[in-house]
PDB file of N, CA and C in Angstrom:
ATOM      1  N   MET A   1      40.925  79.471-158.515  1.00  0.00           N
ATOM      2  CA  MET A   1      42.005  79.194-157.592  1.00  0.00           C
ATOM      3  C   MET A   1      43.061  80.286-157.728  1.00  0.00           C
ATOM      4  N   PRO A   2      43.636  80.681-156.612  1.00  0.00           N
ATOM      5  CA  PRO A   2      44.665  81.715-156.664  1.00  0.00           C
ATOM      6  C   PRO A   2      46.004  81.174-157.161  1.00  0.00           C
ATOM      7  N   ILE A   3      46.802  82.073-157.686  1.00  0.00           N
ATOM      8  CA  ILE A   3      48.149  81.742-158.160  1.00  0.00           C
ATOM      9  C   ILE A   3      49.135  82.232-157.100  1.00  0.00           C
ATOM     10  N   TYR A   4      50.037  81.356-156.707  1.00  0.00           N
ATOM     11  CA  TYR A   4      51.029  81.684-155.687  1.00  0.00           C
ATOM     12  C   TYR A   4      52.432  81.611-156.286  1.00  0.00           C
ATOM     13  N   LYS A   5      53.336  82.441-155.740  1.00  0.00           N
ATOM     14  CA  LYS A   5      54.747  82.407-156.128  1.00  0.00           C
ATOM     15  C   LYS A   5      55.544  81.792-154.989  1.00  0.00           C
ATOM     16  N   TYR A   6      56.476  80.933-155.374  1.00  0.00           N
ATOM     17  CA  TYR A   6      57.351  80.286-154.405  1.00  0.00           C
ATOM     18  C   TYR A   6      58.804  80.525-154.790  1.00  0.00           C
ATOM     19  N   SER A   7      59.657  80.585-153.776  1.00  0.00           N
ATOM     20  CA  SER A   7      61.091  80.727-153.985  1.00  0.00           C
ATOM     21  C   SER A   7      61.798  79.530-153.356  1.00  0.00           C
ATOM     22  N   CYS A   8      62.752  78.976-154.095  1.00  0.00           N
ATOM     23  CA  CYS A   8      63.504  77.831-153.591  1.00  0.00           C
ATOM     24  C   CYS A   8      64.737  78.324-152.845  1.00  0.00           C
ATOM     25  N   GLY A   9      64.907  77.864-151.634  1.00  0.00           N
ATOM     26  CA  GLY A   9      66.074  78.233-150.839  1.00  0.00           C
ATOM     27  C   GLY A   9      67.334  77.522-151.275  1.00  0.00           C
ATOM     28  N   ASN A  10      67.224  76.481-152.077  1.00  0.00           N
ATOM     29  CA  ASN A  10      68.368  75.703-152.532  1.00  0.00           C
ATOM     30  C   ASN A  10      68.928  76.233-153.854  1.00  0.00           C
ATOM     31  N   CYS A  11      68.068  76.447-154.844  1.00  0.00           N
ATOM     32  CA  CYS A  11      68.553  76.856-156.171  1.00  0.00           C
ATOM     33  C   CYS A  11      68.205  78.304-156.523  1.00  0.00           C
ATOM     34  N   ASP A  12      67.554  79.025-155.621  1.00  0.00           N
ATOM     35  CA  ASP A  12      67.170  80.433-155.797  1.00  0.00           C
ATOM     36  C   ASP A  12      66.276  80.690-157.003  1.00  0.00           C
ATOM     37  N   GLU A  13      65.567  79.686-157.459  1.00  0.00           N
ATOM     38  CA  GLU A  13      64.626  79.851-158.564  1.00  0.00           C
ATOM     39  C   GLU A  13      63.244  80.181-158.004  1.00  0.00           C
ATOM     40  N   THR A  14      62.476  80.928-158.780  1.00  0.00           N
ATOM     41  CA  THR A  14      61.102  81.205-158.393  1.00  0.00           C
ATOM     42  C   THR A  14      60.171  80.441-159.328  1.00  0.00           C
ATOM     43  N   THR A  15      59.046  80.017-158.770  1.00  0.00           N
ATOM     44  CA  THR A  15      58.066  79.274-159.550  1.00  0.00           C
ATOM     45  C   THR A  15      56.670  79.719-159.133  1.00  0.00           C
ATOM     46  N   THR A  16      55.727  79.539-160.008  1.00  0.00           N
ATOM     47  CA  THR A  16      54.342  79.860-159.692  1.00  0.00           C
ATOM     48  C   THR A  16      53.538  78.571-159.643  1.00  0.00           C
ATOM     49  N   ALA A  17      52.500  78.580-158.813  1.00  0.00           N
ATOM     50  CA  ALA A  17      51.659  77.402-158.671  1.00  0.00           C
ATOM     51  C   ALA A  17      50.214  77.837-158.482  1.00  0.00           C
ATOM     52  N   LEU A  18      49.334  77.040-159.022  1.00  0.00           N
ATOM     53  CA  LEU A  18      47.907  77.278-158.908  1.00  0.00           C
ATOM     54  C   LEU A  18      47.330  76.210-157.982  1.00  0.00           C
ATOM     55  N   HIS A  19      46.857  76.634-156.798  1.00  0.00           N
ATOM     56  CA  HIS A  19      46.300  75.664-155.854  1.00  0.00           C
ATOM     57  C   HIS A  19      45.388  76.370-154.860  1.00  0.00           C
ATOM     58  N   LEU A  20      44.709  75.604-154.034  1.00  0.00           N
ATOM     59  CA  LEU A  20      43.814  76.155-153.026  1.00  0.00           C
ATOM     60  C   LEU A  20      44.600  76.907-151.960  1.00  0.00           C
ATOM     61  N   SER A  21      43.923  77.789-151.244  1.00  0.00           N
ATOM     62  CA  SER A  21      44.613  78.617-150.258  1.00  0.00           C
ATOM     63  C   SER A  21      45.111  77.813-149.056  1.00  0.00           C
ATOM     64  N   ASN A  22      44.499  76.675-148.757  1.00  0.00           N
ATOM     65  CA  ASN A  22      44.948  75.889-147.607  1.00  0.00           C
ATOM     66  C   ASN A  22      46.047  74.885-147.966  1.00  0.00           C
ATOM     67  N   GLU A  23      46.421  74.817-149.228  1.00  0.00           N
ATOM     68  CA  GLU A  23      47.511  73.933-149.648  1.00  0.00           C
ATOM     69  C   GLU A  23      48.825  74.705-149.656  1.00  0.00           C
ATOM     70  N   LYS A  24      49.940  73.969-149.638  1.00  0.00           N
ATOM     71  CA  LYS A  24      51.254  74.601-149.649  1.00  0.00           C
ATOM     72  C   LYS A  24      52.245  73.664-150.334  1.00  0.00           C
ATOM     73  N   LEU A  25      53.061  74.228-151.218  1.00  0.00           N
ATOM     74  CA  LEU A  25      54.101  73.430-151.867  1.00  0.00           C
ATOM     75  C   LEU A  25      55.366  73.479-151.018  1.00  0.00           C
ATOM     76  N   LEU A  26      56.068  72.369-150.951  1.00  0.00           N
ATOM     77  CA  LEU A  26      57.303  72.306-150.175  1.00  0.00           C
ATOM     78  C   LEU A  26      58.500  71.881-151.013  1.00  0.00           C
ATOM     79  N   ASP A  27      58.279  71.060-152.034  1.00  0.00           N
ATOM     80  CA  ASP A  27      59.376  70.482-152.803  1.00  0.00           C
ATOM     81  C   ASP A  27      59.574  71.220-154.121  1.00  0.00           C
ATOM     82  N   CYS A  28      60.831  71.548-154.434  1.00  0.00           N
ATOM     83  CA  CYS A  28      61.179  72.248-155.666  1.00  0.00           C
ATOM     84  C   CYS A  28      61.221  71.254-156.829  1.00  0.00           C
ATOM     85  N   GLU A  29      60.499  71.564-157.889  1.00  0.00           N
ATOM     86  CA  GLU A  29      60.487  70.685-159.060  1.00  0.00           C
ATOM     87  C   GLU A  29      61.736  70.865-159.925  1.00  0.00           C
ATOM     88  N   LYS A  30      62.406  72.012-159.821  1.00  0.00           N
ATOM     89  CA  LYS A  30      63.577  72.288-160.655  1.00  0.00           C
ATOM     90  C   LYS A  30      64.835  71.591-160.135  1.00  0.00           C
ATOM     91  N   CYS A  31      65.077  71.689-158.827  1.00  0.00           N
ATOM     92  CA  CYS A  31      66.292  71.071-158.285  1.00  0.00           C
ATOM     93  C   CYS A  31      65.994  69.794-157.510  1.00  0.00           C
ATOM     94  N   GLN A  32      64.698  69.422-157.398  1.00  0.00           N
ATOM     95  CA  GLN A  32      64.260  68.197-156.719  1.00  0.00           C
ATOM     96  C   GLN A  32      64.619  68.175-155.233  1.00  0.00           C
ATOM     97  N   HIS A  33      64.862  69.330-154.631  1.00  0.00           N
ATOM     98  CA  HIS A  33      65.170  69.410-153.207  1.00  0.00           C
ATOM     99  C   HIS A  33      63.858  69.480-152.429  1.00  0.00           C
ATOM    100  N   SER A  34      63.727  68.674-151.389  1.00  0.00           N
ATOM    101  CA  SER A  34      62.463  68.639-150.649  1.00  0.00           C
ATOM    102  C   SER A  34      62.486  69.629-149.485  1.00  0.00           C
ATOM    103  N   GLY A  35      61.368  70.285-149.266  1.00  0.00           N
ATOM    104  CA  GLY A  35      61.229  71.218-148.158  1.00  0.00           C
ATOM    105  C   GLY A  35      61.938  72.538-148.342  1.00  0.00           C
ATOM    106  N   SER A  36      62.278  72.923-149.562  1.00  0.00           N
ATOM    107  CA  SER A  36      63.067  74.129-149.774  1.00  0.00           C
ATOM    108  C   SER A  36      62.245  75.318-150.281  1.00  0.00           C
ATOM    109  N   LEU A  37      60.966  75.123-150.579  1.00  0.00           N
ATOM    110  CA  LEU A  37      60.156  76.219-151.110  1.00  0.00           C
ATOM    111  C   LEU A  37      59.525  77.038-149.996  1.00  0.00           C
ATOM    112  N   THR A  38      59.538  78.355-150.178  1.00  0.00           N
ATOM    113  CA  THR A  38      58.843  79.270-149.278  1.00  0.00           C
ATOM    114  C   THR A  38      57.928  80.158-150.109  1.00  0.00           C
ATOM    115  N   LYS A  39      56.737  80.392-149.595  1.00  0.00           N
ATOM    116  CA  LYS A  39      55.757  81.202-150.311  1.00  0.00           C
ATOM    117  C   LYS A  39      56.176  82.664-150.251  1.00  0.00           C
ATOM    118  N   MET A  40      56.138  83.321-151.404  1.00  0.00           N
ATOM    119  CA  MET A  40      56.487  84.737-151.479  1.00  0.00           C
ATOM    120  C   MET A  40      55.222  85.578-151.356  1.00  0.00           C
ATOM    121  N   LEU A  41      55.378  86.803-150.884  1.00  0.00           N
ATOM    122  CA  LEU A  41      54.248  87.713-150.801  1.00  0.00           C
ATOM    123  C   LEU A  41      53.832  88.130-152.201  1.00  0.00           C
ATOM    124  N   GLY A  42      52.536  88.231-152.395  1.00  0.00           N
ATOM    125  CA  GLY A  42      52.022  88.630-153.700  1.00  0.00           C
ATOM    126  C   GLY A  42      51.171  89.873-153.594  1.00  0.00           C
ATOM    127  N   ARG A  43      50.947  90.484-154.721  1.00  0.00           N
ATOM    128  CA  ARG A  43      50.116  91.666-154.785  1.00  0.00           C
ATOM    129  C   ARG A  43      48.661  91.235-154.895  1.00  0.00           C
ATOM    130  N   PRO A  44      47.770  91.793-154.096  1.00  0.00           N
ATOM    131  CA  PRO A  44      46.366  91.386-154.188  1.00  0.00           C
ATOM    132  C   PRO A  44      45.748  91.867-155.495  1.00  0.00           C
ATOM    133  N   LEU A  45      44.816  91.096-155.999  1.00  0.00           N
ATOM    134  CA  LEU A  45      44.133  91.416-157.236  1.00  0.00           C
ATOM    135  C   LEU A  45      42.747  91.934-156.896  1.00  0.00           C
ATOM    136  N   VAL A  46      42.455  93.151-157.324  1.00  0.00           N
ATOM    137  CA  VAL A  46      41.175  93.773-157.025  1.00  0.00           C
ATOM    138  C   VAL A  46      40.424  93.970-158.328  1.00  0.00           C
ATOM    139  N   TYR A  47      39.210  93.424-158.394  1.00  0.00           N
ATOM    140  CA  TYR A  47      38.381  93.574-159.580  1.00  0.00           C
ATOM    141  C   TYR A  47      37.452  94.763-159.395  1.00  0.00           C
ATOM    142  N   LYS A  48      37.377  95.594-160.404  1.00  0.00           N
ATOM    143  CA  LYS A  48      36.458  96.719-160.384  1.00  0.00           C
ATOM    144  C   LYS A  48      35.162  96.253-161.023  1.00  0.00           C
ATOM    145  N   THR A  49      34.045  96.415-160.332  1.00  0.00           N
ATOM    146  CA  THR A  49      32.794  95.853-160.805  1.00  0.00           C
ATOM    147  C   THR A  49      32.050  96.752-161.781  1.00  0.00           C
ATOM    148  N   HIS A  50      32.360  98.028-161.806  1.00  0.00           N
ATOM    149  CA  HIS A  50      31.685  98.912-162.752  1.00  0.00           C
ATOM    150  C   HIS A  50      32.617 100.044-163.132  1.00  0.00           C
ATOM    151  N   ASN A  51      32.347 100.625-164.271  1.00  0.00           N
ATOM    152  CA  ASN A  51      33.141 101.759-164.728  1.00  0.00           C
ATOM    153  C   ASN A  51      32.469 103.032-164.253  1.00  0.00           C
ATOM    154  N   SER A  52      33.121 103.749-163.392  1.00  0.00           N
ATOM    155  CA  SER A  52      32.564 105.000-162.898  1.00  0.00           C
ATOM    156  C   SER A  52      33.631 106.077-162.959  1.00  0.00           C
ATOM    157  N   ASP A  53      33.155 107.289-162.944  1.00  0.00           N
ATOM    158  CA  ASP A  53      34.037 108.435-162.942  1.00  0.00           C
ATOM    159  C   ASP A  53      34.698 108.531-161.569  1.00  0.00           C
ATOM    160  N   PRO A  54      36.024 108.572-161.497  1.00  0.00           N
ATOM    161  CA  PRO A  54      36.684 108.628-160.188  1.00  0.00           C
ATOM    162  C   PRO A  54      36.283 109.857-159.377  1.00  0.00           C
ATOM    163  N   ALA A  55      35.869 110.910-160.071  1.00  0.00           N
ATOM    164  CA  ALA A  55      35.466 112.125-159.364  1.00  0.00           C
ATOM    165  C   ALA A  55      34.076 111.984-158.754  1.00  0.00           C
ATOM    166  N   GLU A  56      33.290 111.007-159.214  1.00  0.00           N
ATOM    167  CA  GLU A  56      31.941 110.812-158.714  1.00  0.00           C
ATOM    168  C   GLU A  56      32.005 110.160-157.333  1.00  0.00           C
ATOM    169  N   GLU A  57      31.307 110.745-156.393  1.00  0.00           N
ATOM    170  CA  GLU A  57      31.317 110.245-155.021  1.00  0.00           C
ATOM    171  C   GLU A  57      30.452 108.997-154.880  1.00  0.00           C
ATOM    172  N   THR A  58      30.786 108.163-153.916  1.00  0.00           N
ATOM    173  CA  THR A  58      30.023 106.950-153.660  1.00  0.00           C
ATOM    174  C   THR A  58      28.593 107.281-153.268  1.00  0.00           C
ATOM    175  N   GLY A  59      28.405 108.316-152.478  1.00  0.00           N
ATOM    176  CA  GLY A  59      27.072 108.723-152.068  1.00  0.00           C
ATOM    177  C   GLY A  59      26.200 109.095-153.253  1.00  0.00           C
ATOM    178  N   GLU A  60      26.782 109.745-154.251  1.00  0.00           N
ATOM    179  CA  GLU A  60      26.028 110.128-155.442  1.00  0.00           C
ATOM    180  C   GLU A  60      25.609 108.898-156.237  1.00  0.00           C
ATOM    181  N   VAL A  61      26.468 107.918-156.319  1.00  0.00           N
ATOM    182  CA  VAL A  61      26.138 106.673-157.017  1.00  0.00           C
ATOM    183  C   VAL A  61      24.995 105.966-156.296  1.00  0.00           C
ATOM    184  N   THR A  62      25.054 105.954-154.968  1.00  0.00           N
ATOM    185  CA  THR A  62      24.005 105.314-154.172  1.00  0.00           C
ATOM    186  C   THR A  62      22.669 106.020-154.355  1.00  0.00           C
ATOM    187  N   LYS A  63      22.666 107.344-154.293  1.00  0.00           N
ATOM    188  CA  LYS A  63      21.438 108.110-154.492  1.00  0.00           C
ATOM    189  C   LYS A  63      20.851 107.860-155.868  1.00  0.00           C
ATOM    190  N   GLN A  64      21.698 107.819-156.878  1.00  0.00           N
ATOM    191  CA  GLN A  64      21.240 107.570-158.247  1.00  0.00           C
ATOM    192  C   GLN A  64      20.601 106.179-158.349  1.00  0.00           C
ATOM    193  N   PHE A  65      21.214 105.178-157.737  1.00  0.00           N
ATOM    194  CA  PHE A  65      20.687 103.816-157.760  1.00  0.00           C
ATOM    195  C   PHE A  65      19.319 103.756-157.072  1.00  0.00           C
ATOM    196  N   ILE A  66      19.187 104.434-155.938  1.00  0.00           N
ATOM    197  CA  ILE A  66      17.920 104.448-155.209  1.00  0.00           C
ATOM    198  C   ILE A  66      16.834 105.098-156.050  1.00  0.00           C
ATOM    199  N   GLU A  67      17.133 106.213-156.656  1.00  0.00           N
ATOM    200  CA  GLU A  67      16.141 106.904-157.472  1.00  0.00           C
ATOM    201  C   GLU A  67      15.723 106.064-158.676  1.00  0.00           C
ATOM    202  N   GLU A  68      16.672 105.378-159.291  1.00  0.00           N
ATOM    203  CA  GLU A  68      16.365 104.549-160.461  1.00  0.00           C
ATOM    204  C   GLU A  68      15.478 103.365-160.082  1.00  0.00           C
ATOM    205  N   ASN A  69      15.608 102.866-158.873  1.00  0.00           N
ATOM    206  CA  ASN A  69      14.879 101.669-158.467  1.00  0.00           C
ATOM    207  C   ASN A  69      13.686 101.947-157.558  1.00  0.00           C
ATOM    208  N   ARG A  70      13.400 103.208-157.273  1.00  0.00           N
ATOM    209  CA  ARG A  70      12.281 103.575-156.406  1.00  0.00           C
ATOM    210  C   ARG A  70      10.949 103.111-156.996  1.00  0.00           C
ATOM    211  N   GLU A  71      10.730 103.289-158.298  1.00  0.00           N
ATOM    212  CA  GLU A  71       9.480 102.899-158.943  1.00  0.00           C
ATOM    213  C   GLU A  71       9.313 101.376-158.934  1.00  0.00           C
ATOM    214  N   ILE A  72      10.363 100.648-159.152  1.00  0.00           N
ATOM    215  CA  ILE A  72      10.311  99.183-159.115  1.00  0.00           C
ATOM    216  C   ILE A  72       9.903  98.718-157.719  1.00  0.00           C
ATOM    217  N   LEU A  73      10.452  99.330-156.698  1.00  0.00           N
ATOM    218  CA  LEU A  73      10.114  98.982-155.322  1.00  0.00           C
ATOM    219  C   LEU A  73       8.639  99.264-155.034  1.00  0.00           C
ATOM    220  N   LYS A  74       8.115 100.397-155.510  1.00  0.00           N
ATOM    221  CA  LYS A  74       6.698 100.720-155.317  1.00  0.00           C
ATOM    222  C   LYS A  74       5.814  99.654-155.952  1.00  0.00           C
ATOM    223  N   GLN A  75       6.155  99.236-157.166  1.00  0.00           N
ATOM    224  CA  GLN A  75       5.376  98.210-157.853  1.00  0.00           C
ATOM    225  C   GLN A  75       5.396  96.898-157.077  1.00  0.00           C
ATOM    226  N   GLN A  76       6.549  96.521-156.561  1.00  0.00           N
ATOM    227  CA  GLN A  76       6.657  95.285-155.797  1.00  0.00           C
ATOM    228  C   GLN A  76       5.857  95.368-154.498  1.00  0.00           C
ATOM    229  N   GLN A  77       5.835  96.524-153.853  1.00  0.00           N
ATOM    230  CA  GLN A  77       5.057  96.701-152.636  1.00  0.00           C
ATOM    231  C   GLN A  77       3.564  96.587-152.925  1.00  0.00           C
ATOM    232  N   GLN A  78       3.106  97.186-154.029  1.00  0.00           N
ATOM    233  CA  GLN A  78       1.692  97.122-154.397  1.00  0.00           C
ATOM    234  C   GLN A  78       1.278  95.684-154.709  1.00  0.00           C
ATOM    235  N   GLU A  79       2.135  94.950-155.413  1.00  0.00           N
ATOM    236  CA  GLU A  79       1.838  93.549-155.718  1.00  0.00           C
ATOM    237  C   GLU A  79       1.775  92.708-154.447  1.00  0.00           C
ATOM    238  N   ALA A  80       2.646  92.977-153.497  1.00  0.00           N
ATOM    239  CA  ALA A  80       2.660  92.225-152.243  1.00  0.00           C
ATOM    240  C   ALA A  80       1.414  92.521-151.418  1.00  0.00           C
ATOM    241  N   GLU A  81       0.906  93.756-151.459  1.00  0.00           N
ATOM    242  CA  GLU A  81      -0.297  94.116-150.718  1.00  0.00           C
ATOM    243  C   GLU A  81      -1.531  93.439-151.310  1.00  0.00           C
ATOM    244  N   LYS A  82      -1.543  93.186-152.610  1.00  0.00           N
ATOM    245  CA  LYS A  82      -2.685  92.574-153.277  1.00  0.00           C
ATOM    246  C   LYS A  82      -2.768  91.079-152.996  1.00  0.00           C
ATOM    247  N   LYS A  83      -1.667  90.450-152.713  1.00  0.00           N
ATOM    248  CA  LYS A  83      -1.660  89.017-152.464  1.00  0.00           C
ATOM    249  C   LYS A  83      -2.266  88.699-151.114  1.00  0.00           C
ATOM    250  N   THR A  84      -2.962  87.577-151.065  1.00  0.00           N
ATOM    251  CA  THR A  84      -3.505  87.122-149.783  1.00  0.00           C
ATOM    252  C   THR A  84      -2.701  85.916-149.317  1.00  0.00           C
ATOM    253  N   TYR A  85      -2.390  85.928-148.050  1.00  0.00           N
ATOM    254  CA  TYR A  85      -1.596  84.858-147.466  1.00  0.00           C
ATOM    255  C   TYR A  85      -2.454  84.120-146.438  1.00  0.00           C
ATOM    256  N   GLU A  86      -2.296  82.849-146.383  1.00  0.00           N
ATOM    257  CA  GLU A  86      -3.058  82.054-145.425  1.00  0.00           C
ATOM    258  C   GLU A  86      -2.249  81.811-144.183  1.00  0.00           C
TER     259      GLU A  86
END
């Protein structure tokens, strides 16, 4: 679940909340004022899935992946040709 930041228009306090994206908090827990919270803009969180050299181009990574898996693909194709299907 994402973490959201809210600001209270009544007491000027900020709070964080963990909830689903379609939910929204309205009431401030600090000053107990209802309908005073507004959602603040947040910085998006981006996960990097692999460690790569920033100078290495995406095309080079793709070519390397294809070459590494070319033999596996050949083996799978040969196995599929040997099977008989009804």
